Amino acid sequence: MIRTLVCLFLLTVASPVQAEDNEYLYYRDVTIPAFQNMREFFNLPNHPGHYQVTLVSDSIGPLTFRIIRAEEDIEIEIKRHRSYHVGDHEFHFSFANTEGKFDLIVEMANSNPAGSAKVSVIVVELP
């Protein structure tokens, strides 16, 4: 029942940033243990476009979300968001890869010493 409610919530959150005919480029629920982080790598060179990254969690914070642009071995952080909420964490970021030469890395860190955090990662290619 809870998983169904979370999925409905995610679809509601994601719908304003995507057109009806768009499909998820990537959707995954991840579990991050206490004091750990996780990275999701998106290989996007030669795939120019605009992407919407959405991270949603109902876990107890603090959580840190980072968006990193990578080109070969060079990584540059372009956005960092720290959320101290008790549930209801939400982060949106538009990633422009107009020349098709960058990779996208999404990093999530759980600073809660008491337990793991579940985060839904959604990436949509915008028209």
Protein backbone atom coordinates (compact mmCIF):
# COMPACT_ATOMS: atom_id res chain seq x y z
CA MET A 1 0.00 0.00 0.00
CA ILE A 2 2.77 2.48 0.93
CA ARG A 3 4.75 1.64 -2.22
CA THR A 4 1.62 2.33 -4.32
CA LEU A 5 1.15 5.72 -2.65
CA VAL A 6 4.80 6.64 -3.23
CA CYS A 7 4.54 5.66 -6.91
CA LEU A 8 1.37 7.74 -7.31
CA PHE A 9 3.10 10.65 -5.60
CA LEU A 10 6.10 10.36 -7.92
CA LEU A 11 3.92 10.32 -11.00
CA THR A 12 2.12 13.40 -9.74
CA VAL A 13 5.40 15.19 -9.07
CA ALA A 14 6.95 14.23 -12.40
CA SER A 15 3.98 15.03 -14.61
CA PRO A 16 4.38 18.85 -14.72
CA VAL A 17 7.94 18.58 -16.05
CA GLN A 18 7.21 16.16 -18.85
CA ALA A 19 4.93 16.12 -21.84
CA GLU A 20 2.29 13.41 -21.98
CA ASP A 21 4.10 11.50 -24.72
CA ASN A 22 7.52 11.51 -22.95
CA GLU A 23 8.81 8.38 -21.33
CA TYR A 24 11.26 8.06 -18.48
CA LEU A 25 14.83 7.88 -19.67
CA TYR A 26 15.60 6.42 -16.25
CA TYR A 27 13.57 5.52 -13.16
CA ARG A 28 14.90 3.68 -10.15
CA ASP A 29 14.24 3.41 -6.43
CA VAL A 30 17.50 3.19 -4.49
CA THR A 31 18.23 2.49 -0.84
CA ILE A 32 21.16 4.35 0.68
CA PRO A 33 22.49 3.00 4.00
CA ALA A 34 23.23 5.35 6.92
CA PHE A 35 26.26 7.60 6.31
CA GLN A 36 26.68 6.30 2.76
CA ASN A 37 26.32 7.82 -0.68
CA MET A 38 25.37 6.49 -4.08
CA ARG A 39 26.17 7.67 -7.60
CA GLU A 40 24.14 7.11 -10.74
CA PHE A 41 26.06 7.61 -13.99
CA PHE A 42 24.34 8.52 -17.26
CA ASN A 43 26.43 8.06 -20.39
CA LEU A 44 25.15 10.90 -22.59
CA PRO A 45 27.93 11.88 -25.06
CA ASN A 46 26.68 12.05 -28.60
CA HIS A 47 23.16 12.36 -27.19
CA PRO A 48 22.39 16.09 -27.22
CA GLY A 49 19.30 17.28 -25.41
CA HIS A 50 17.76 18.73 -22.28
CA TYR A 51 17.04 16.49 -19.30
CA GLN A 52 14.97 16.93 -16.15
CA VAL A 53 16.38 15.23 -13.04
CA THR A 54 13.95 14.62 -10.17
CA LEU A 55 14.90 13.12 -6.81
CA VAL A 56 12.15 12.33 -4.29
CA SER A 57 12.30 10.72 -0.85
CA ASP A 58 10.05 10.36 2.16
CA SER A 59 12.94 9.30 4.41
CA ILE A 60 14.22 11.16 7.45
CA GLY A 61 17.02 13.55 6.50
CA PRO A 62 19.45 15.06 6.15
CA LEU A 63 19.98 14.12 2.51
CA THR A 64 22.36 15.76 0.05
CA PHE A 65 21.75 15.68 -3.70
CA ARG A 66 24.50 16.63 -6.19
CA ILE A 67 24.40 17.05 -9.96
CA ILE A 68 27.77 16.61 -11.64
CA ARG A 69 28.74 17.24 -15.25
CA ALA A 70 31.50 14.95 -16.49
CA GLU A 71 33.63 15.17 -19.60
CA GLU A 72 36.08 12.29 -19.87
CA ASP A 73 37.95 12.29 -16.51
CA ILE A 74 36.92 15.79 -15.41
CA GLU A 75 33.93 16.15 -13.06
CA ILE A 76 32.39 19.52 -12.23
CA GLU A 77 29.66 19.92 -9.63
CA ILE A 78 26.94 22.14 -11.06
CA LYS A 79 24.31 21.91 -8.31
CA ARG A 80 24.18 20.78 -4.67
CA HIS A 81 21.07 20.69 -2.49
CA ARG A 82 20.96 19.71 1.18
CA SER A 83 17.56 18.82 2.64
CA TYR A 84 16.91 18.59 6.39
CA HIS A 85 13.24 17.65 6.14
CA VAL A 86 11.60 14.81 7.98
CA GLY A 87 10.21 13.20 4.85
CA ASP A 88 9.05 15.10 1.77
CA HIS A 89 12.47 15.64 0.18
CA GLU A 90 12.17 16.84 -3.40
CA PHE A 91 14.81 18.12 -5.81
CA HIS A 92 14.50 19.14 -9.48
CA PHE A 93 17.24 20.17 -11.87
CA SER A 94 17.35 20.78 -15.62
CA PHE A 95 20.52 19.44 -17.24
CA ALA A 96 21.39 20.92 -20.64
CA ASN A 97 23.60 18.81 -22.90
CA THR A 98 23.01 20.77 -26.10
CA GLU A 99 26.33 19.81 -27.70
CA GLY A 100 26.11 16.18 -26.60
CA LYS A 101 29.56 16.11 -25.05
CA PHE A 102 28.82 15.66 -21.32
CA ASP A 103 27.91 12.78 -19.04
CA LEU A 104 25.52 13.26 -16.13
CA ILE A 105 26.25 12.00 -12.62
CA VAL A 106 23.62 12.16 -9.87
CA GLU A 107 24.95 11.66 -6.36
CA MET A 108 22.81 11.15 -3.26
CA ALA A 109 24.20 11.10 0.30
CA ASN A 110 22.39 9.98 3.44
CA SER A 111 23.67 11.66 6.61
CA ASN A 112 21.12 10.04 8.91
CA PRO A 113 22.99 7.89 11.47
CA ALA A 114 19.84 6.00 12.47
CA GLY A 115 18.79 4.38 9.22
CA SER A 116 18.74 4.02 5.48
CA ALA A 117 17.04 6.37 3.03
CA LYS A 118 14.98 5.40 0.01
CA VAL A 119 15.26 7.79 -2.92
CA SER A 120 13.49 7.67 -6.26
CA VAL A 121 15.65 8.86 -9.16
CA ILE A 122 13.79 10.01 -12.28
CA VAL A 123 15.42 11.37 -15.44
CA VAL A 124 13.25 12.55 -18.33
CA GLU A 125 14.43 13.85 -21.70
CA LEU A 126 12.59 17.07 -22.44
CA PRO A 127 11.37 17.92 -25.93
